[in-house]
Protein backbone atom coordinates (compact mmCIF):
# COMPACT_ATOMS: atom_id res chain seq x y z
CA MET A 1 -13.91 0.20 -4.45
CA ARG A 2 -12.10 -0.33 -1.16
CA ILE A 3 -8.32 -0.45 -1.57
CA ILE A 4 -5.62 -1.47 0.89
CA GLY A 5 -2.14 -0.10 0.34
CA ILE A 6 0.75 -1.87 2.02
CA ASP A 7 4.23 -0.49 2.67
CA PRO A 8 6.33 -3.56 3.46
CA GLY A 9 8.90 -3.50 6.21
CA LEU A 10 10.34 -6.15 8.48
CA ARG A 11 10.18 -4.05 11.65
CA THR A 12 7.12 -1.99 10.71
CA LEU A 13 4.68 -2.79 7.92
CA GLY A 14 2.40 0.14 7.13
CA TRP A 15 -1.14 -0.30 5.88
CA GLY A 16 -3.85 2.08 4.75
CA VAL A 17 -7.40 1.51 3.54
CA ILE A 18 -9.24 4.00 1.34
CA GLU A 19 -12.57 4.07 -0.46
CA ALA A 20 -12.55 5.22 -4.11
CA GLU A 21 -15.94 6.00 -5.59
CA ASN A 22 -16.71 8.09 -8.69
CA GLY A 23 -13.32 9.79 -8.55
CA ARG A 24 -13.66 10.67 -4.86
CA LEU A 25 -11.31 9.29 -2.25
CA SER A 26 -12.02 8.85 1.43
CA HIS A 27 -9.97 7.52 4.29
CA VAL A 28 -11.21 4.35 5.99
CA ALA A 29 -8.37 3.35 8.31
CA ASN A 30 -4.60 3.07 8.61
CA GLY A 31 -2.03 1.63 10.94
CA GLN A 32 1.22 -0.19 11.40
CA CYS A 33 1.97 -3.84 12.02
CA ARG A 34 5.07 -4.19 14.18
CA SER A 35 6.95 -7.46 13.98
CA GLN A 36 7.34 -9.43 17.18
CA GLY A 37 9.68 -12.26 17.99
CA THR A 38 13.35 -12.96 18.24
CA ASP A 39 14.02 -14.74 14.98
CA LEU A 40 13.05 -13.99 11.39
CA ALA A 41 10.39 -16.71 11.10
CA LEU A 42 8.52 -15.47 14.18
CA ARG A 43 8.74 -11.86 12.99
CA LEU A 44 7.30 -12.80 9.60
CA LEU A 45 4.56 -14.85 11.26
CA SER A 46 3.58 -11.91 13.46
CA LEU A 47 3.34 -9.63 10.41
CA HIS A 48 1.22 -12.24 8.61
CA THR A 49 -1.12 -12.59 11.58
CA GLN A 50 -1.55 -8.83 12.06
CA LEU A 51 -2.07 -8.07 8.36
CA SER A 52 -4.54 -10.96 8.06
CA ALA A 53 -6.56 -9.40 10.90
CA VAL A 54 -6.58 -6.05 9.06
CA MET A 55 -7.81 -7.76 5.89
CA ALA A 56 -10.56 -9.57 7.81
CA GLN A 57 -11.69 -6.35 9.50
CA TYR A 58 -11.80 -4.04 6.44
CA HIS A 59 -12.55 -6.44 3.53
CA PRO A 60 -10.76 -4.55 0.74
CA ASP A 61 -11.64 -5.16 -2.92
CA ALA A 62 -8.13 -4.46 -4.19
CA ALA A 63 -4.58 -4.37 -2.84
CA ALA A 64 -1.39 -2.57 -3.78
CA VAL A 65 2.15 -3.04 -2.50
CA GLU A 66 5.26 -0.94 -2.95
CA GLN A 67 8.03 -2.63 -4.89
CA THR A 68 11.34 -3.23 -3.15
CA PHE A 69 14.32 -1.19 -4.22
CA VAL A 70 17.77 -2.72 -3.98
CA ASN A 71 20.19 -0.92 -1.72
CA ARG A 72 23.81 -1.46 -0.74
CA ASP A 73 22.98 -3.81 2.12
CA GLY A 74 22.20 -7.10 0.38
CA ALA A 75 21.12 -8.87 3.59
CA GLY A 76 18.76 -6.00 4.44
CA THR A 77 17.28 -6.09 0.95
CA LEU A 78 16.65 -9.83 1.25
CA LYS A 79 14.90 -9.40 4.61
CA LEU A 80 12.76 -6.59 3.20
CA GLY A 81 11.90 -8.89 0.30
CA GLN A 82 10.65 -11.50 2.75
CA ALA A 83 8.41 -8.91 4.44
CA ARG A 84 7.21 -7.91 0.98
CA GLY A 85 6.33 -11.54 0.38
CA ILE A 86 4.02 -11.41 3.41
CA ALA A 87 2.55 -8.13 2.10
CA MET A 88 1.69 -9.85 -1.17
CA LEU A 89 0.70 -13.23 0.27
CA VAL A 90 -1.99 -12.01 2.67
CA PRO A 91 -4.11 -10.18 0.03
CA ALA A 92 -3.58 -13.07 -2.40
CA GLN A 93 -4.92 -15.47 0.25
CA ALA A 94 -8.03 -13.26 0.39
CA GLY A 95 -8.48 -13.69 -3.37
CA LEU A 96 -7.25 -10.22 -4.36
CA THR A 97 -5.04 -9.28 -7.27
CA VAL A 98 -2.10 -7.28 -5.95
CA GLY A 99 -0.90 -4.19 -7.81
CA GLU A 100 2.78 -3.35 -7.51
CA TYR A 101 4.19 0.16 -7.76
CA ALA A 102 7.71 1.53 -7.68
CA PRO A 103 8.35 4.09 -4.92
CA ASN A 104 8.95 6.84 -7.49
CA ALA A 105 5.65 6.04 -9.26
CA VAL A 106 3.76 6.33 -5.96
CA LYS A 107 5.40 9.67 -5.16
CA LYS A 108 4.75 10.96 -8.69
CA ALA A 109 1.06 9.97 -8.47
CA VAL A 110 0.50 11.52 -5.03
CA VAL A 111 2.91 14.46 -4.90
CA GLY A 112 3.63 15.08 -8.59
CA VAL A 113 7.37 14.56 -8.09
CA GLY A 114 9.07 11.18 -8.22
CA HIS A 115 11.72 12.06 -5.66
CA ALA A 116 9.53 13.64 -2.97
CA ASP A 117 10.50 13.12 0.65
CA LYS A 118 8.36 11.42 3.30
CA LYS A 119 7.06 14.71 4.72
CA GLN A 120 5.80 15.80 1.30
CA VAL A 121 4.09 12.44 0.80
CA GLU A 122 2.36 12.63 4.17
CA HIS A 123 1.29 16.24 3.53
CA MET A 124 -0.31 15.33 0.19
CA VAL A 125 -1.97 12.24 1.70
CA ARG A 126 -3.56 14.49 4.35
CA LEU A 127 -4.75 16.90 1.62
CA GLN A 128 -6.24 14.15 -0.54
CA LEU A 129 -7.82 12.34 2.40
CA PRO A 130 -9.31 15.08 4.64
CA GLY A 131 -9.50 14.12 8.30
CA CYS A 132 -6.85 11.44 7.90
CA ALA A 133 -4.24 11.13 10.64
CA PRO A 134 -1.59 8.62 9.56
CA ALA A 135 -0.35 6.38 12.39
CA GLY A 136 3.22 7.02 11.24
CA PRO A 137 5.35 7.44 8.14
CA ASP A 138 4.85 3.82 7.07
CA ALA A 139 1.06 4.21 7.30
CA ALA A 140 1.24 7.47 5.30
CA ASP A 141 3.26 5.67 2.63
CA ALA A 142 0.70 2.85 2.57
CA LEU A 143 -2.13 5.34 2.07
CA ALA A 144 -0.11 6.90 -0.77
CA ILE A 145 0.23 3.46 -2.36
CA ALA A 146 -3.55 2.97 -2.13
CA ILE A 147 -4.12 6.41 -3.70
CA CYS A 148 -1.71 5.57 -6.51
CA HIS A 149 -3.56 2.31 -7.15
CA SER A 150 -6.91 4.11 -7.24
CA PHE A 151 -5.59 6.47 -9.93
CA HIS A 152 -4.22 3.59 -12.01
CA ALA A 153 -7.43 1.56 -11.61
CA ALA A 154 -9.56 4.53 -12.67
CA THR A 155 -7.38 5.12 -15.74
CA ALA A 156 -7.52 1.43 -16.67
CA GLY A 157 -11.32 1.48 -16.30
CA ARG A 158 -11.69 4.53 -18.56
CA LEU A 159 -9.36 2.97 -21.13
CA ALA A 160 -11.32 -0.30 -21.13
CA ALA A 161 -14.59 1.64 -21.53
CA ALA A 162 -13.17 3.64 -24.44
CA ILE A 163 -11.92 0.53 -26.18
CA GLY A 164 -15.28 -1.19 -25.63
CA ALA A 165 -17.17 1.82 -27.02
CA GLY A 166 -15.03 1.78 -30.15
CA ARG A 167 -15.99 -1.76 -31.10
């Protein structure tokens, strides 16, 4: 299964594509979409266009997006929420179901600690995806989101198989 992880951001939206097959993970690609334009609508449009091109190039089977956390800056949180809307819209337009994961759940799945810092996340991403060179911290986070989704999807698949075998 090919999975795209997306770390939403209004200035920089990170993305990472991995392949998960029989419990093995491999890196496909990663990068960052940088918003362009002077007003919010143009910035969101540029993120949509760039992420749509990534989706068309790599044809993922599944998508996962990090959930937004609320911070003290309400206006900043709202803008991040709009970028997150783009991060969810583009895979949905491609017919994919979008998994959503809290930042702490992603860190716990990849590092083993829910409050890991960005350097720890990137280090563990590099260990789990040998040969991977994240394009930046947002791309490393996106790869971590994809890894988290692969773990959850594998667990859900095993659970469904166990339930089916019990009938």
